[in-house]
């Protein structure tokens, strides 16, 4: 069997309805030379059922990596998924982010040695998130500005993410004030670079846990390219009941040390020092 060109690592936690839409989004990609690893932070049986049923008919290979629910441990389950990737290039995203049909192809096309690619997302309200079915994903209507406006989406500058191509796309990537950072819902990089920094710091919970691995990659000498107007995914609505202020305080302290001491390899990563 031919090895996949890219491994898509999807993190999820108890959002089976959203995950089904996301997986169908990968079924509709313009290319199929990829694999998917679902990094599951302790979801229940409903998620297991969605993955099992989808895997039977999927045109790409799917692995489901799970550990017991013991609170927010996304960094740990991602570190378990990374070594299992068969491709030498990794795309990280979330189980509530529906990819546009050119999403994977764009990450492959723009990849470059010594760089990681920093994408974004287009956030949807709850009512429109619930309206999206397989039909809207297959015919790509859910990425169409007119369809979104008909269903109540208010106009904003952010709609440019869905309408930009060619020069406009490249220009907006260039002028955006948003820094190119490692954001877990839409980011890709080389597996060898991720392994050199030893993956994610498992001390970290919600709030900047993705950014911190990017900061260590910067310390390694890796650069980041902004592709927020090129690689497009729709972020489906959800509450964030798992967020605790002390998580963010702790994470900020770790990130401060990472930046000050120019930390490259965390001892709390894939390999435990």
Protein backbone atom coordinates (compact mmCIF):
# COMPACT_ATOMS: atom_id res chain seq x y z
CA UNK A 1 0.00 0.00 0.00
CA UNK A 2 1.15 3.51 -0.82
CA UNK A 3 1.91 5.65 2.23
CA UNK A 4 -0.33 8.70 2.76
CA UNK A 5 1.13 12.06 1.79
CA UNK A 6 -0.36 13.68 4.90
CA UNK A 7 -1.85 12.51 8.21
CA UNK A 8 -4.84 14.49 9.50
CA UNK A 9 -5.03 14.38 13.31
CA UNK A 10 -8.48 15.35 14.58
CA UNK A 11 -8.98 16.00 18.29
CA UNK A 12 -12.45 15.37 19.70
CA UNK A 13 -14.39 15.13 22.95
CA UNK A 14 -18.08 14.16 23.15
CA UNK A 15 -19.32 15.92 20.02
CA UNK A 16 -20.50 12.97 17.90
CA UNK A 17 -22.95 14.93 15.75
CA UNK A 18 -20.31 17.52 14.88
CA UNK A 19 -17.65 14.84 14.33
CA UNK A 20 -19.89 13.08 11.80
CA UNK A 21 -20.15 16.29 9.76
CA UNK A 22 -16.38 16.81 9.98
CA UNK A 23 -15.59 13.27 8.81
CA UNK A 24 -17.97 13.69 5.90
CA UNK A 25 -16.08 16.87 5.04
CA UNK A 26 -12.95 14.75 4.61
CA UNK A 27 -14.89 12.32 2.45
CA UNK A 28 -15.56 15.27 0.11
CA UNK A 29 -11.91 16.38 -0.25
CA UNK A 30 -10.44 17.07 -3.69
CA UNK A 31 -7.71 14.48 -3.01
CA UNK A 32 -7.70 11.20 -1.12
CA UNK A 33 -4.03 10.44 -0.45
CA UNK A 34 -4.35 11.06 3.30
CA UNK A 35 -5.15 9.18 6.50
CA UNK A 36 -7.10 10.36 9.54
CA UNK A 37 -6.24 9.74 13.19
CA UNK A 38 -8.95 10.72 15.68
CA UNK A 39 -7.38 11.74 18.99
CA UNK A 40 -10.25 11.21 21.41
CA UNK A 41 -9.92 12.76 24.88
CA UNK A 42 -12.30 10.30 26.55
CA UNK A 43 -15.59 10.52 24.62
CA UNK A 44 -18.48 8.16 25.31
CA UNK A 45 -20.02 5.38 23.24
CA UNK A 46 -21.89 7.74 20.89
CA UNK A 47 -18.58 8.95 19.46
CA UNK A 48 -17.27 5.40 19.16
CA UNK A 49 -20.41 4.47 17.20
CA UNK A 50 -20.06 7.43 14.79
CA UNK A 51 -16.43 6.54 14.05
CA UNK A 52 -17.13 2.81 13.70
CA UNK A 53 -20.03 3.34 11.29
CA UNK A 54 -18.18 5.96 9.24
CA UNK A 55 -15.05 3.82 8.98
CA UNK A 56 -17.00 1.06 7.20
CA UNK A 57 -17.62 3.24 4.15
CA UNK A 58 -14.81 5.83 4.29
CA UNK A 59 -12.48 6.10 1.29
CA UNK A 60 -9.54 6.95 3.55
CA UNK A 61 -8.09 5.01 6.50
CA UNK A 62 -9.21 6.04 10.00
CA UNK A 63 -7.56 5.24 13.34
CA UNK A 64 -9.36 5.97 16.61
CA UNK A 65 -7.05 6.66 19.57
CA UNK A 66 -8.89 6.94 22.92
CA UNK A 67 -8.07 7.27 26.57
CA UNK A 68 -10.27 7.47 29.65
CA UNK A 69 -11.97 10.76 30.51
CA UNK A 70 -9.96 12.29 33.35
CA UNK A 71 -10.56 15.94 32.54
CA UNK A 72 -8.99 18.03 29.78
CA UNK A 73 -6.04 15.95 28.51
CA UNK A 74 -5.93 16.95 24.86
CA UNK A 75 -2.13 17.29 24.88
CA UNK A 76 -1.74 13.71 26.11
CA UNK A 77 -4.00 12.13 23.49
CA UNK A 78 -2.36 14.16 20.71
CA UNK A 79 1.04 12.88 21.84
CA UNK A 80 -0.29 9.32 21.59
CA UNK A 81 -1.54 9.99 18.05
CA UNK A 82 1.58 11.64 16.61
CA UNK A 83 3.90 8.57 16.62
CA UNK A 84 1.19 6.53 14.85
CA UNK A 85 1.11 8.86 11.83
CA UNK A 86 2.35 7.12 8.67
CA UNK A 87 2.92 10.36 6.73
CA UNK A 88 5.91 12.65 7.20
CA UNK A 89 3.62 15.70 7.20
CA UNK A 90 0.90 16.31 9.82
CA UNK A 91 -2.28 18.41 9.73
CA UNK A 92 -3.89 19.14 13.11
CA UNK A 93 -7.53 20.14 13.42
CA UNK A 94 -10.56 19.70 15.67
CA UNK A 95 -13.68 17.55 15.55
CA UNK A 96 -15.90 20.61 15.23
CA UNK A 97 -14.16 22.10 12.16
CA UNK A 98 -15.71 21.11 8.81
CA UNK A 99 -13.07 21.35 6.06
CA UNK A 100 -13.73 22.93 2.67
CA UNK A 101 -13.11 20.51 -0.19
CA UNK A 102 -9.64 21.95 -0.92
CA UNK A 103 -8.54 22.00 2.73
CA UNK A 104 -6.13 19.05 2.70
CA UNK A 105 -4.89 19.80 -0.81
CA UNK A 106 -4.07 23.39 0.22
CA UNK A 107 -1.98 22.27 3.19
CA UNK A 108 -0.07 19.84 0.96
CA UNK A 109 0.44 22.42 -1.80
CA UNK A 110 1.77 25.12 0.51
CA UNK A 111 3.99 22.99 2.77
CA UNK A 112 7.66 23.94 2.84
CA UNK A 113 10.72 22.56 4.60
CA UNK A 114 11.58 24.58 7.71
CA UNK A 115 8.07 26.03 8.05
CA UNK A 116 4.67 25.26 9.55
CA UNK A 117 1.38 26.54 8.12
CA UNK A 118 -0.97 28.58 10.30
CA UNK A 119 -4.62 28.59 9.28
CA UNK A 120 -7.79 29.87 10.92
CA UNK A 121 -11.50 29.14 10.93
CA UNK A 122 -14.85 30.73 10.15
CA UNK A 123 -17.04 30.56 13.23
CA UNK A 124 -20.74 29.72 12.84
CA UNK A 125 -23.61 30.37 15.27
CA UNK A 126 -25.53 27.45 16.78
CA UNK A 127 -28.58 27.58 14.48
CA UNK A 128 -26.55 27.51 11.25
CA UNK A 129 -24.23 24.81 12.64
CA UNK A 130 -27.27 22.60 13.23
CA UNK A 131 -28.66 23.31 9.73
CA UNK A 132 -25.61 21.87 7.96
CA UNK A 133 -26.21 18.35 6.67
CA UNK A 134 -24.20 16.04 4.43
CA UNK A 135 -25.90 17.62 1.43
CA UNK A 136 -24.65 21.12 2.28
CA UNK A 137 -21.16 19.72 2.80
CA UNK A 138 -21.14 17.68 -0.40
CA UNK A 139 -22.36 20.54 -2.59
CA UNK A 140 -20.27 23.03 -0.54
CA UNK A 141 -23.26 25.33 0.04
CA UNK A 142 -22.26 25.73 3.69
CA UNK A 143 -19.16 27.59 2.44
CA UNK A 144 -21.25 29.84 0.19
CA UNK A 145 -21.73 33.37 1.53
CA UNK A 146 -25.19 33.72 -0.03
CA UNK A 147 -26.42 30.48 1.56
CA UNK A 148 -25.09 31.61 4.95
CA UNK A 149 -26.72 35.04 4.63
CA UNK A 150 -30.08 33.50 3.66
CA UNK A 151 -29.91 31.53 6.90
CA UNK A 152 -29.25 34.57 9.03
CA UNK A 153 -25.51 35.17 9.05
CA UNK A 154 -24.69 38.86 9.40
CA UNK A 155 -22.21 40.48 6.97
CA UNK A 156 -18.67 40.99 8.27
CA UNK A 157 -15.11 41.38 7.01
CA UNK A 158 -14.47 37.78 8.04
CA UNK A 159 -16.62 36.61 5.11
CA UNK A 160 -13.55 37.33 2.99
CA UNK A 161 -12.17 34.03 4.26
CA UNK A 162 -14.86 32.26 2.25
CA UNK A 163 -14.63 34.37 -0.91
CA UNK A 164 -10.91 34.99 -1.40
CA UNK A 165 -8.77 33.33 -4.06
CA UNK A 166 -5.76 34.17 -6.16
CA UNK A 167 -4.24 37.62 -5.55
CA UNK A 168 -6.89 38.63 -2.99
CA UNK A 169 -6.23 35.49 -0.93
CA UNK A 170 -2.45 36.04 -0.94
CA UNK A 171 -2.83 39.77 -0.22
CA UNK A 172 -5.11 39.23 2.79
CA UNK A 173 -2.76 36.54 4.16
CA UNK A 174 0.05 39.09 3.86
CA UNK A 175 -1.66 42.10 5.45
CA UNK A 176 -3.61 40.39 8.25
CA UNK A 177 -2.57 41.69 11.68
CA UNK A 178 -3.09 38.20 13.13
CA UNK A 179 0.26 36.54 13.77
CA UNK A 180 1.00 33.13 12.26
CA UNK A 181 0.90 30.83 15.30
CA UNK A 182 0.31 27.14 16.02
CA UNK A 183 -3.48 26.98 16.47
CA UNK A 184 -4.75 23.45 16.87
CA UNK A 185 -7.89 23.74 14.76
CA UNK A 186 -5.99 24.43 11.52
CA UNK A 187 -2.22 23.98 11.47
CA UNK A 188 0.23 21.70 9.71
CA UNK A 189 3.90 20.89 10.00
CA UNK A 190 6.57 18.27 9.45
CA UNK A 191 6.47 15.22 11.71
CA UNK A 192 10.24 15.32 12.19
CA UNK A 193 10.00 18.89 13.56
CA UNK A 194 7.14 17.96 15.91
CA UNK A 195 9.21 15.02 17.20
CA UNK A 196 12.30 17.21 17.66
CA UNK A 197 10.40 19.40 20.13
CA UNK A 198 8.89 16.23 21.71
CA UNK A 199 5.29 17.03 20.86
CA UNK A 200 2.91 18.81 23.21
CA UNK A 201 3.68 19.69 26.83
CA UNK A 202 1.38 17.40 28.81
CA UNK A 203 1.35 19.69 31.85
CA UNK A 204 -0.83 22.04 29.85
CA UNK A 205 -4.63 22.05 29.76
CA UNK A 206 -6.96 24.44 27.92
CA UNK A 207 -5.63 27.87 26.97
CA UNK A 208 -2.58 28.27 24.80
CA UNK A 209 -1.55 24.61 24.87
CA UNK A 210 -1.36 24.66 21.08
CA UNK A 211 0.50 27.97 20.91
CA UNK A 212 3.24 26.64 23.23
CA UNK A 213 4.40 23.89 20.86
CA UNK A 214 4.56 26.53 18.13
CA UNK A 215 6.73 28.70 20.36
CA UNK A 216 9.16 25.80 20.84
CA UNK A 217 9.21 25.26 17.08
CA UNK A 218 10.14 28.94 16.70
CA UNK A 219 12.96 28.37 19.20
CA UNK A 220 14.09 25.45 17.02
CA UNK A 221 14.32 27.82 14.05
CA UNK A 222 11.10 26.82 12.30
CA UNK A 223 9.13 29.65 10.70
CA UNK A 224 5.36 30.04 10.33
CA UNK A 225 3.41 30.97 7.20
CA UNK A 226 0.00 32.64 7.41
CA UNK A 227 -2.70 30.80 5.40
CA UNK A 228 -5.90 31.92 7.17
CA UNK A 229 -7.46 33.00 3.83
CA UNK A 230 -6.30 29.85 1.99
CA UNK A 231 -7.08 26.76 4.12
CA UNK A 232 -10.72 27.13 5.11
CA UNK A 233 -12.79 25.29 7.70
CA UNK A 234 -16.10 26.09 9.41
CA UNK A 235 -16.05 26.05 13.21
CA UNK A 236 -19.33 24.62 14.46
CA UNK A 237 -20.80 26.18 17.60
CA UNK A 238 -20.18 24.70 21.06
CA UNK A 239 -19.97 25.78 24.69
CA UNK A 240 -16.66 25.73 26.53
CA UNK A 241 -17.76 24.45 29.93
CA UNK A 242 -14.38 22.81 30.53
CA UNK A 243 -12.50 26.13 30.74
CA UNK A 244 -11.17 27.03 34.19
CA UNK A 245 -9.22 30.25 34.93
CA UNK A 246 -6.49 28.34 36.77
CA UNK A 247 -5.78 26.31 33.62
CA UNK A 248 -4.95 29.47 31.68
CA UNK A 249 -2.85 30.90 34.53
CA UNK A 250 -0.78 27.71 34.70
CA UNK A 251 -0.37 27.56 30.93
CA UNK A 252 0.72 31.20 30.74
CA UNK A 253 3.45 30.49 33.30
CA UNK A 254 4.75 27.56 31.23
CA UNK A 255 4.71 29.64 28.04
CA UNK A 256 6.59 32.44 29.78
CA UNK A 257 9.43 30.01 30.61
CA UNK A 258 9.36 28.57 27.06
CA UNK A 259 9.92 32.04 25.61
CA UNK A 260 12.40 33.32 28.23
CA UNK A 261 14.60 30.20 28.29
CA UNK A 262 14.24 29.48 24.56
CA UNK A 263 12.99 25.96 25.36
CA UNK A 264 13.00 23.61 22.34
CA UNK A 265 12.30 20.17 23.73
CA UNK A 266 9.77 19.68 26.51
CA UNK A 267 10.58 16.91 29.01
CA UNK A 268 6.82 16.45 29.47
CA UNK A 269 6.05 15.37 25.91
CA UNK A 270 5.86 12.22 23.80
CA UNK A 271 8.99 10.86 25.46
CA UNK A 272 9.15 11.37 29.22
CA UNK A 273 12.56 12.52 30.47
